[in-house]
C-alpha atoms as a PDB file:
ATOM      1  CA  MET A   1       7.448  75.623  91.391  1.00  0.00           C
ATOM      2  CA  ALA A   2       8.984  77.254  94.450  1.00  0.00           C
ATOM      3  CA  GLN A   3       7.953  80.713  95.600  1.00  0.00           C
ATOM      4  CA  GLN A   4      10.491  83.497  95.756  1.00  0.00           C
ATOM      5  CA  ILE A   5      10.744  86.710  97.781  1.00  0.00           C
ATOM      6  CA  GLU A   6      11.207  89.660  95.422  1.00  0.00           C
ATOM      7  CA  ARG A   7      12.495  93.226  95.815  1.00  0.00           C
ATOM      8  CA  GLY A   8      11.496  96.424  94.062  1.00  0.00           C
ATOM      9  CA  CYS A   9      13.486  97.997  91.275  1.00  0.00           C
ATOM     10  CA  LEU A  10      14.549 101.013  93.410  1.00  0.00           C
ATOM     11  CA  PRO A  11      17.055 100.777  96.264  1.00  0.00           C
ATOM     12  CA  CYS A  12      15.750 101.033  99.849  1.00  0.00           C
ATOM     13  CA  THR A  13      12.091 100.974  98.757  1.00  0.00           C
ATOM     14  CA  ASN A  14       9.505  98.667  97.163  1.00  0.00           C
ATOM     15  CA  CYS A  15       7.377 101.395  95.654  1.00  0.00           C
ATOM     16  CA  LEU A  16       8.109 100.309  92.101  1.00  0.00           C
ATOM     17  CA  VAL A  17       8.648  96.761  90.861  1.00  0.00           C
ATOM     18  CA  THR A  18       9.334  95.210  87.479  1.00  0.00           C
ATOM     19  CA  VAL A  19       7.295  92.029  86.942  1.00  0.00           C
ATOM     20  CA  PRO A  20       8.765  89.549  84.378  1.00  0.00           C
ATOM     21  CA  GLN A  21       6.490  88.114  81.703  1.00  0.00           C
ATOM     22  CA  ASP A  22       6.822  84.539  82.980  1.00  0.00           C
ATOM     23  CA  ARG A  23       6.028  85.164  86.672  1.00  0.00           C
ATOM     24  CA  TRP A  24       3.161  86.179  88.891  1.00  0.00           C
ATOM     25  CA  PHE A  25       3.851  88.789  91.613  1.00  0.00           C
ATOM     26  CA  ALA A  26       1.775  89.162  94.781  1.00  0.00           C
ATOM     27  CA  ALA A  27       2.015  92.434  96.656  1.00  0.00           C
ATOM     28  CA  GLU A  28       1.746  92.310 100.434  1.00  0.00           C
ATOM     29  CA  GLN A  29       1.219  95.281 102.735  1.00  0.00           C
ATOM     30  CA  PHE A  30       2.585  94.651 106.222  1.00  0.00           C
ATOM     31  CA  GLY A  31       2.482  90.900 105.497  1.00  0.00           C
ATOM     32  CA  LYS A  32      -1.139  90.866 104.285  1.00  0.00           C
ATOM     33  CA  PHE A  33      -1.979  89.957 100.692  1.00  0.00           C
ATOM     34  CA  SER A  34      -2.974  93.006  98.683  1.00  0.00           C
ATOM     35  CA  HIS A  35      -3.242  92.165  94.979  1.00  0.00           C
ATOM     36  CA  ILE A  36      -1.694  90.322  92.017  1.00  0.00           C
ATOM     37  CA  MET A  37       0.496  92.433  89.778  1.00  0.00           C
ATOM     38  CA  SER A  38       0.590  92.081  85.995  1.00  0.00           C
ATOM     39  CA  PRO A  39       3.851  91.924  83.962  1.00  0.00           C
ATOM     40  CA  GLY A  40       5.692  95.194  83.439  1.00  0.00           C
ATOM     41  CA  LEU A  41       6.519  98.157  85.659  1.00  0.00           C
ATOM     42  CA  SER A  42       3.984  98.550  88.459  1.00  0.00           C
ATOM     43  CA  PHE A  43       3.504 101.004  91.320  1.00  0.00           C
ATOM     44  CA  ALA A  44       2.874  99.070  94.500  1.00  0.00           C
ATOM     45  CA  GLY A  45       2.327 101.995  96.889  1.00  0.00           C
ATOM     46  CA  LEU A  46       4.291 104.051  99.379  1.00  0.00           C
ATOM     47  CA  ASP A  47       7.027 102.184 101.133  1.00  0.00           C
ATOM     48  CA  ILE A  48       9.868 103.010 103.514  1.00  0.00           C
ATOM     49  CA  CYS A  49      12.960 100.754 103.334  1.00  0.00           C
ATOM     50  CA  GLY A  50      10.843  97.764 102.352  1.00  0.00           C
ATOM     51  CA  CYS A  51       8.991  97.679 105.662  1.00  0.00           C
ATOM     52  CA  CYS A  52       5.507  98.453 104.342  1.00  0.00           C
ATOM     53  CA  ILE A  53       5.363  96.517 101.048  1.00  0.00           C
ATOM     54  CA  SER A  54       6.864  93.155 100.171  1.00  0.00           C
ATOM     55  CA  PHE A  55       6.593  90.861  97.145  1.00  0.00           C
ATOM     56  CA  ARG A  56       6.555  87.150  96.476  1.00  0.00           C
ATOM     57  CA  SER A  57       6.406  85.493  93.078  1.00  0.00           C
ATOM     58  CA  ILE A  58       5.617  82.178  91.386  1.00  0.00           C
ATOM     59  CA  THR A  59       6.262  81.110  87.818  1.00  0.00           C
ATOM     60  CA  SER A  60       3.510  81.110  85.195  1.00  0.00           C
ATOM     61  CA  ARG A  61       5.263  78.529  83.008  1.00  0.00           C
ATOM     62  CA  VAL A  62       4.359  74.862  82.692  1.00  0.00           C
ATOM     63  CA  GLU A  63       6.710  72.878  84.893  1.00  0.00           C
ATOM     64  CA  GLN A  64       7.470  69.176  84.972  1.00  0.00           C
ATOM     65  CA  ASN A  65       7.773  67.238  88.191  1.00  0.00           C
ATOM     66  CA  MET A  66       9.537  63.838  88.032  1.00  0.00           C
ATOM     67  CA  VAL A  67       8.256  61.286  90.540  1.00  0.00           C
ATOM     68  CA  MET A  68       9.943  57.930  91.224  1.00  0.00           C
ATOM     69  CA  VAL A  69       7.620  55.374  92.833  1.00  0.00           C
ATOM     70  CA  SER A  70       8.762  51.951  94.071  1.00  0.00           C
ATOM     71  CA  THR A  71       6.062  49.285  94.192  1.00  0.00           C
ATOM     72  CA  LYS A  72       5.415  45.614  93.403  1.00  0.00           C
ATOM     73  CA  THR A  73       3.192  43.825  90.912  1.00  0.00           C
ATOM     74  CA  LYS A  74       0.574  41.135  91.307  1.00  0.00           C
ATOM     75  CA  ASP A  75       3.183  38.446  90.599  1.00  0.00           C
ATOM     76  CA  ASN A  76       5.460  39.845  93.368  1.00  0.00           C
ATOM     77  CA  VAL A  77       7.959  41.624  91.134  1.00  0.00           C
ATOM     78  CA  PHE A  78       9.394  44.854  92.540  1.00  0.00           C
ATOM     79  CA  LEU A  79       9.755  47.735  90.120  1.00  0.00           C
ATOM     80  CA  VAL A  80      10.270  51.489  89.980  1.00  0.00           C
ATOM     81  CA  ALA A  81       7.802  53.614  87.990  1.00  0.00           C
ATOM     82  CA  LYS A  82       8.993  56.970  86.689  1.00  0.00           C
ATOM     83  CA  VAL A  83       6.150  59.477  86.276  1.00  0.00           C
ATOM     84  CA  ALA A  84       6.425  62.929  84.686  1.00  0.00           C
ATOM     85  CA  VAL A  85       3.715  65.370  85.851  1.00  0.00           C
ATOM     86  CA  GLN A  86       3.273  68.591  83.849  1.00  0.00           C
ATOM     87  CA  HIS A  87       1.473  71.350  85.744  1.00  0.00           C
ATOM     88  CA  SER A  88       1.062  75.115  85.909  1.00  0.00           C
ATOM     89  CA  VAL A  89      -0.687  77.806  87.954  1.00  0.00           C
ATOM     90  CA  LYS A  90      -4.237  78.745  87.014  1.00  0.00           C
ATOM     91  CA  PRO A  91      -4.349  82.474  86.185  1.00  0.00           C
ATOM     92  CA  GLU A  92      -7.569  82.911  88.165  1.00  0.00           C
ATOM     93  CA  ASN A  93      -6.182  81.101  91.242  1.00  0.00           C
ATOM     94  CA  VAL A  94      -2.708  82.575  91.643  1.00  0.00           C
ATOM     95  CA  GLN A  95      -3.414  83.562  95.246  1.00  0.00           C
ATOM     96  CA  ASP A  96      -4.386  79.987  96.179  1.00  0.00           C
ATOM     97  CA  ALA A  97      -1.266  78.610  94.459  1.00  0.00           C
ATOM     98  CA  MET A  98       0.939  80.968  96.480  1.00  0.00           C
ATOM     99  CA  TYR A  99      -0.580  80.657  99.911  1.00  0.00           C
ATOM    100  CA  LYS A 100      -2.295  77.266 100.251  1.00  0.00           C
ATOM    101  CA  LEU A 101       0.575  74.819  99.718  1.00  0.00           C
ATOM    102  CA  ALA A 102       3.952  74.889 101.420  1.00  0.00           C
ATOM    103  CA  ASN A 103       5.546  72.359  99.040  1.00  0.00           C
ATOM    104  CA  VAL A 104       3.828  71.739  95.705  1.00  0.00           C
ATOM    105  CA  HIS A 105       6.248  69.040  94.555  1.00  0.00           C
ATOM    106  CA  ALA A 106       5.860  67.006  97.739  1.00  0.00           C
ATOM    107  CA  GLN A 107       2.067  67.172  97.414  1.00  0.00           C
ATOM    108  CA  ILE A 108       2.196  65.937  93.822  1.00  0.00           C
ATOM    109  CA  ASP A 109       4.613  63.154  94.792  1.00  0.00           C
ATOM    110  CA  SER A 110       2.176  61.943  97.457  1.00  0.00           C
ATOM    111  CA  TYR A 111      -0.804  61.780  95.099  1.00  0.00           C
ATOM    112  CA  VAL A 112       1.196  60.057  92.343  1.00  0.00           C
ATOM    113  CA  SER A 113       2.614  57.479  94.758  1.00  0.00           C
ATOM    114  CA  ASP A 114      -0.882  56.765  96.085  1.00  0.00           C
ATOM    115  CA  VAL A 115      -2.309  56.096  92.613  1.00  0.00           C
ATOM    116  CA  VAL A 116       0.637  53.993  91.407  1.00  0.00           C
ATOM    117  CA  ARG A 117       0.729  51.851  94.546  1.00  0.00           C
ATOM    118  CA  SER A 118      -3.007  51.218  94.360  1.00  0.00           C
ATOM    119  CA  SER A 119      -3.023  50.350  90.624  1.00  0.00           C
ATOM    120  CA  VAL A 120       0.149  48.393  89.860  1.00  0.00           C
ATOM    121  CA  PRO A 121      -0.315  45.698  92.588  1.00  0.00           C
ATOM    122  CA  HIS A 122      -3.434  44.554  90.685  1.00  0.00           C
ATOM    123  CA  MET A 123      -1.389  43.948  87.511  1.00  0.00           C
ATOM    124  CA  THR A 124       1.267  41.462  86.506  1.00  0.00           C
ATOM    125  CA  LEU A 125       4.638  42.675  85.300  1.00  0.00           C
ATOM    126  CA  ASP A 126       3.668  42.289  81.651  1.00  0.00           C
ATOM    127  CA  GLU A 127       0.353  44.049  82.239  1.00  0.00           C
ATOM    128  CA  SER A 128       2.084  46.976  83.920  1.00  0.00           C
ATOM    129  CA  PHE A 129       4.064  47.539  80.708  1.00  0.00           C
ATOM    130  CA  GLU A 130       1.009  47.068  78.507  1.00  0.00           C
ATOM    131  CA  LYS A 131      -1.276  49.329  80.594  1.00  0.00           C
ATOM    132  CA  LYS A 132       0.998  52.329  81.070  1.00  0.00           C
ATOM    133  CA  ASP A 133      -1.628  54.577  79.490  1.00  0.00           C
ATOM    134  CA  GLU A 134      -4.261  53.405  81.969  1.00  0.00           C
ATOM    135  CA  ILE A 135      -1.949  54.226  84.869  1.00  0.00           C
ATOM    136  CA  SER A 136      -1.250  57.657  83.350  1.00  0.00           C
ATOM    137  CA  ASP A 137      -4.965  58.378  82.969  1.00  0.00           C
ATOM    138  CA  ALA A 138      -5.637  57.360  86.585  1.00  0.00           C
ATOM    139  CA  ILE A 139      -2.875  59.684  87.848  1.00  0.00           C
ATOM    140  CA  THR A 140      -4.114  62.563  85.689  1.00  0.00           C
ATOM    141  CA  LYS A 141      -7.705  62.220  86.934  1.00  0.00           C
ATOM    142  CA  LYS A 142      -6.563  62.101  90.548  1.00  0.00           C
ATOM    143  CA  LEU A 143      -4.344  65.173  90.254  1.00  0.00           C
ATOM    144  CA  LEU A 144      -6.923  67.184  88.300  1.00  0.00           C
ATOM    145  CA  VAL A 145      -9.385  66.834  91.151  1.00  0.00           C
ATOM    146  CA  GLU A 146      -6.995  67.297  94.055  1.00  0.00           C
ATOM    147  CA  MET A 147      -4.650  69.991  92.732  1.00  0.00           C
ATOM    148  CA  SER A 148      -7.380  72.243  91.314  1.00  0.00           C
ATOM    149  CA  ALA A 149      -8.344  73.127  94.896  1.00  0.00           C
ATOM    150  CA  TYR A 150      -4.840  74.564  95.371  1.00  0.00           C
ATOM    151  CA  GLY A 151      -4.858  76.654  92.194  1.00  0.00           C
ATOM    152  CA  PHE A 152      -2.871  74.291  89.970  1.00  0.00           C
ATOM    153  CA  GLN A 153      -3.752  72.903  86.551  1.00  0.00           C
ATOM    154  CA  ILE A 154      -2.523  69.413  85.561  1.00  0.00           C
ATOM    155  CA  HIS A 155      -1.753  69.118  81.855  1.00  0.00           C
ATOM    156  CA  LYS A 156      -0.527  65.535  81.666  1.00  0.00           C
ATOM    157  CA  ALA A 157       0.882  62.762  83.810  1.00  0.00           C
ATOM    158  CA  LEU A 158       3.061  60.360  81.828  1.00  0.00           C
ATOM    159  CA  VAL A 159       4.510  57.038  82.958  1.00  0.00           C
ATOM    160  CA  THR A 160       7.780  57.399  81.104  1.00  0.00           C
ATOM    161  CA  GLU A 161       9.618  54.359  82.435  1.00  0.00           C
ATOM    162  CA  ILE A 162       8.985  51.127  84.326  1.00  0.00           C
ATOM    163  CA  THR A 163      12.163  49.501  85.613  1.00  0.00           C
ATOM    164  CA  PRO A 164      11.997  46.067  87.282  1.00  0.00           C
ATOM    165  CA  ASP A 165      14.645  44.854  89.690  1.00  0.00           C
ATOM    166  CA  ALA A 166      17.997  44.045  88.059  1.00  0.00           C
ATOM    167  CA  SER A 167      17.672  40.316  88.794  1.00  0.00           C
ATOM    168  CA  VAL A 168      14.198  40.302  87.231  1.00  0.00           C
ATOM    169  CA  GLN A 169      15.518  42.037  84.115  1.00  0.00           C
ATOM    170  CA  GLN A 170      18.279  39.447  83.832  1.00  0.00           C
ATOM    171  CA  SER A 171      15.734  36.631  84.184  1.00  0.00           C
ATOM    172  CA  MET A 172      13.458  38.169  81.533  1.00  0.00           C
ATOM    173  CA  ASN A 173      16.377  38.542  79.145  1.00  0.00           C
ATOM    174  CA  GLU A 174      17.374  34.914  79.765  1.00  0.00           C
ATOM    175  CA  ILE A 175      13.796  33.747  79.104  1.00  0.00           C
ATOM    176  CA  ASN A 176      13.679  35.664  75.836  1.00  0.00           C
ATOM    177  CA  LYS A 177      17.115  34.343  74.891  1.00  0.00           C
ATOM    178  CA  GLN A 178      16.117  30.710  75.498  1.00  0.00           C
ATOM    179  CA  LYS A 179      12.854  31.217  73.618  1.00  0.00           C
ATOM    180  CA  ARG A 180      14.671  32.587  70.610  1.00  0.00           C
ATOM    181  CA  LEU A 181      17.215  29.748  70.750  1.00  0.00           C
ATOM    182  CA  ARG A 182      14.361  27.237  70.841  1.00  0.00           C
ATOM    183  CA  ASP A 183      12.697  28.907  67.848  1.00  0.00           C
ATOM    184  CA  ALA A 184      16.018  28.868  66.007  1.00  0.00           C
ATOM    185  CA  SER A 185      16.468  25.142  66.770  1.00  0.00           C
ATOM    186  CA  ILE A 186      12.966  24.376  65.531  1.00  0.00           C
ATOM    187  CA  MET A 187      13.565  26.311  62.334  1.00  0.00           C
ATOM    188  CA  ALA A 188      16.906  24.572  61.786  1.00  0.00           C
ATOM    189  CA  ALA A 189      15.276  21.163  62.311  1.00  0.00           C
ATOM    190  CA  GLU A 190      12.504  22.063  59.882  1.00  0.00           C
ATOM    191  CA  ALA A 191      15.077  23.137  57.306  1.00  0.00           C
ATOM    192  CA  GLU A 192      17.016  19.871  57.786  1.00  0.00           C
ATOM    193  CA  LYS A 193      13.774  17.919  57.434  1.00  0.00           C
ATOM    194  CA  ILE A 194      12.989  19.675  54.167  1.00  0.00           C
ATOM    195  CA  LYS A 195      16.503  18.933  52.886  1.00  0.00           C
ATOM    196  CA  VAL A 196      16.182  15.227  53.750  1.00  0.00           C
ATOM    197  CA  VAL A 197      12.704  14.963  52.210  1.00  0.00           C
ATOM    198  CA  LYS A 198      13.794  16.739  49.054  1.00  0.00           C
ATOM    199  CA  ALA A 199      16.904  14.582  48.787  1.00  0.00           C
ATOM    200  CA  ALA A 200      14.786  11.416  49.141  1.00  0.00           C
ATOM    201  CA  GLU A 201      12.346  12.691  46.527  1.00  0.00           C
ATOM    202  CA  ALA A 202      15.241  13.508  44.203  1.00  0.00           C
ATOM    203  CA  ALA A 203      16.758  10.044  44.738  1.00  0.00           C
ATOM    204  CA  ALA A 204      13.398   8.401  44.031  1.00  0.00           C
ATOM    205  CA  ASP A 205      12.937  10.453  40.871  1.00  0.00           C
ATOM    206  CA  ALA A 206      16.494   9.649  39.784  1.00  0.00           C
ATOM    207  CA  SER A 207      15.974   5.921  40.364  1.00  0.00           C
ATOM    208  CA  GLN A 208      12.719   6.035  38.421  1.00  0.00           C
ATOM    209  CA  LEU A 209      14.339   7.866  35.520  1.00  0.00           C
ATOM    210  CA  GLN A 210      17.306   5.490  35.601  1.00  0.00           C
ATOM    211  CA  GLY A 211      14.967   2.487  35.461  1.00  0.00           C
ATOM    212  CA  GLU A 212      13.027   4.013  32.606  1.00  0.00           C
ATOM    213  CA  GLY A 213      16.301   4.717  30.793  1.00  0.00           C
ATOM    214  CA  ILE A 214      17.541   1.148  31.257  1.00  0.00           C
ATOM    215  CA  ALA A 215      14.188  -0.190  30.045  1.00  0.00           C
ATOM    216  CA  ARG A 216      14.310   1.980  26.922  1.00  0.00           C
ATOM    217  CA  GLN A 217      17.945   0.976  26.359  1.00  0.00           C
ATOM    218  CA  ARG A 218      17.095  -2.725  26.491  1.00  0.00           C
ATOM    219  CA  ARG A 219      14.072  -2.225  24.278  1.00  0.00           C
ATOM    220  CA  ALA A 220      16.245  -0.471  21.710  1.00  0.00           C
ATOM    221  CA  ILE A 221      18.855  -3.269  21.895  1.00  0.00           C
ATOM    222  CA  ILE A 222      16.201  -5.918  21.405  1.00  0.00           C
ATOM    223  CA  ASP A 223      14.671  -4.063  18.470  1.00  0.00           C
ATOM    224  CA  GLY A 224      18.099  -3.585  16.911  1.00  0.00           C
ATOM    225  CA  LEU A 225      19.016  -7.256  17.316  1.00  0.00           C
ATOM    226  CA  ARG A 226      15.704  -8.358  15.856  1.00  0.00           C
ATOM    227  CA  ASP A 227      16.069  -6.045  12.837  1.00  0.00           C
ATOM    228  CA  SER A 228      19.703  -6.975  12.210  1.00  0.00           C
ATOM    229  CA  ILE A 229      19.001 -10.707  12.258  1.00  0.00           C
ATOM    230  CA  THR A 230      15.705 -10.796  10.347  1.00  0.00           C
ATOM    231  CA  HIS A 231      16.551  -8.054   7.864  1.00  0.00           C
ATOM    232  CA  GLY A 232      15.834  -9.258   4.311  1.00  0.00           C
ATOM    233  CA  THR A 233      14.172 -12.453   5.504  1.00  0.00           C
ATOM    234  CA  LYS A 234      10.699 -13.391   6.485  1.00  0.00           C
ATOM    235  CA  GLU A 235      11.900 -15.149   9.595  1.00  0.00           C
ATOM    236  CA  THR A 236      10.575 -14.007  12.959  1.00  0.00           C
ATOM    237  CA  LEU A 237      12.391 -14.440  16.245  1.00  0.00           C
ATOM    238  CA  THR A 238      10.672 -15.861  19.257  1.00  0.00           C
ATOM    239  CA  THR A 239      10.885 -14.307  22.686  1.00  0.00           C
ATOM    240  CA  GLU A 240      13.270 -17.037  23.818  1.00  0.00           C
ATOM    241  CA  LYS A 241      15.709 -16.323  21.005  1.00  0.00           C
ATOM    242  CA  ILE A 242      15.583 -12.590  21.678  1.00  0.00           C
ATOM    243  CA  SER A 243      16.283 -13.187  25.399  1.00  0.00           C
ATOM    244  CA  GLU A 244      19.274 -15.367  24.531  1.00  0.00           C
ATOM    245  CA  LEU A 245      20.638 -12.715  22.166  1.00  0.00           C
ATOM    246  CA  LEU A 246      20.209 -10.064  24.863  1.00  0.00           C
ATOM    247  CA  LEU A 247      21.989 -12.210  27.438  1.00  0.00           C
ATOM    248  CA  ILE A 248      24.854 -12.877  25.038  1.00  0.00           C
ATOM    249  CA  THR A 249      25.206  -9.157  24.319  1.00  0.00           C
ATOM    250  CA  GLN A 250      25.199  -8.276  28.002  1.00  0.00           C
ATOM    251  CA  TYR A 251      27.708 -11.049  28.674  1.00  0.00           C
ATOM    252  CA  PHE A 252      30.272  -9.596  26.267  1.00  0.00           C
ATOM    253  CA  GLU A 253      29.567  -6.040  27.449  1.00  0.00           C
ATOM    254  CA  THR A 254      30.278  -7.166  31.016  1.00  0.00           C
ATOM    255  CA  LEU A 255      33.607  -8.708  29.951  1.00  0.00           C
ATOM    256  CA  ARG A 256      34.467  -5.498  28.136  1.00  0.00           C
ATOM    257  CA  ASP A 257      33.656  -3.306  31.170  1.00  0.00           C
ATOM    258  CA  ILE A 258      35.703  -5.508  33.502  1.00  0.00           C
ATOM    259  CA  ALA A 259      38.688  -5.394  31.161  1.00  0.00           C
ATOM    260  CA  ALA A 260      38.414  -1.622  30.728  1.00  0.00           C
ATOM    261  CA  ASN A 261      38.321  -0.913  34.498  1.00  0.00           C
ATOM    262  CA  SER A 262      41.820  -0.798  35.976  1.00  0.00           C
ATOM    263  CA  LYS A 263      40.472  -1.179  39.537  1.00  0.00           C
ATOM    264  CA  ALA A 264      38.305  -4.210  38.819  1.00  0.00           C
ATOM    265  CA  GLN A 265      38.755  -7.253  41.052  1.00  0.00           C
ATOM    266  CA  THR A 266      39.262 -10.767  39.648  1.00  0.00           C
ATOM    267  CA  VAL A 267      35.910 -12.188  38.542  1.00  0.00           C
ATOM    268  CA  PHE A 268      35.495 -15.856  37.444  1.00  0.00           C
ATOM    269  CA  LEU A 269      32.968 -16.217  34.650  1.00  0.00           C
ATOM    270  CA  PRO A 270      32.273 -19.016  32.179  1.00  0.00           C
ATOM    271  CA  HIS A 271      34.925 -18.529  29.526  1.00  0.00           C
ATOM    272  CA  SER A 272      32.973 -19.969  26.615  1.00  0.00           C
ATOM    273  CA  ALA A 273      30.083 -18.340  24.816  1.00  0.00           C
ATOM    274  CA  GLY A 274      28.180 -21.622  24.922  1.00  0.00           C
ATOM    275  CA  ALA A 275      27.808 -21.251  28.667  1.00  0.00           C
ATOM    276  CA  VAL A 276      25.568 -18.271  28.014  1.00  0.00           C
ATOM    277  CA  ALA A 277      22.991 -20.599  26.464  1.00  0.00           C
ATOM    278  CA  ASP A 278      23.011 -22.618  29.675  1.00  0.00           C
ATOM    279  CA  VAL A 279      22.402 -19.449  31.680  1.00  0.00           C
ATOM    280  CA  ALA A 280      19.599 -18.444  29.325  1.00  0.00           C
ATOM    281  CA  GLY A 281      18.054 -21.885  29.635  1.00  0.00           C
ATOM    282  CA  GLN A 282      18.174 -21.704  33.433  1.00  0.00           C
ATOM    283  CA  ILE A 283      16.478 -18.275  33.435  1.00  0.00           C
ATOM    284  CA  ARG A 284      13.862 -19.485  30.955  1.00  0.00           C
ATOM    285  CA  ASN A 285      13.130 -22.615  32.986  1.00  0.00           C
ATOM    286  CA  GLY A 286      12.814 -20.497  36.149  1.00  0.00           C
ATOM    287  CA  ILE A 287      10.286 -18.212  34.477  1.00  0.00           C
ATOM    288  CA  LEU A 288       8.283 -21.167  33.135  1.00  0.00           C
ATOM    289  CA  GLN A 289       8.231 -22.841  36.551  1.00  0.00           C
ATOM    290  CA  ALA A 290       7.071 -19.616  38.208  1.00  0.00           C
ATOM    291  CA  SER A 291       4.273 -19.057  35.707  1.00  0.00           C
ATOM    292  CA  PRO A 292       2.122 -22.090  36.758  1.00  0.00           C
ATOM    293  CA  GLY A 293       2.476 -21.034  40.415  1.00  0.00           C
ATOM    294  CA  GLN A 294       1.149 -17.553  39.616  1.00  0.00           C
ATOM    295  CA  ALA A 295      -1.725 -19.025  37.637  1.00  0.00           C
ATOM    296  CA  HIS A 296      -3.004 -20.910  40.722  1.00  0.00           C
ATOM    297  CA  MET A 297      -3.039 -17.757  42.896  1.00  0.00           C
END
């Protein structure tokens, strides 16, 4: 918002001047402030070769001043805060805005730097990102009070960017990377755990169903043997006879499976069917000997 020296619209005189819509003109007579001129063509007074009347102007638009402030946080991290200050001249204080400050931008930079360097050192790096609005509000309040005395109105002060040191940024990115890798590892382990548990549950269910199927198969075989032997007679088979029949059936089925399998190894089994009765007797005697032991428990 720099001031400019203006000239009249006629050569060799400043009697008449054209004031643009977006600027304020101050008329000076022999270097002394006279009055503020409104936009349009204005008569400033009698002048000879620009020696009597002179003009200076300042913009009436809202301007933005970018301020870069270097400071450090509570956890000793150096960063650069970028602050955008939007300001304009108060219409009722144009004279103060023109004549009180030599460098408006430098004055604003000083106030912004003071607020940032007194606020950010009380915050950690994460807090400085989270509390950007608080820093902006503190800067706005400070500038509203200080700059109003010089004829300027502060519209908004925005902390647009906070940039830590390059090494700090690299460290933060590495921390986030390792955290995400750890989360990914945990999720992968959880997925593997679920797969193992589900596979074990499936194997247990399969074994249970297989056992139930074998039990039903044997029950059906026993019922079929009993019906085929006692059909048309009033004879009943004892449990011992049924067990022997089942063993004999399984014996021949085993021989059939071994003969049908081309990759079967040589297996030595009793070659006579009468040996099955001996096996049945041994199983039956084992069961009978175990029964008295269970009765004493």
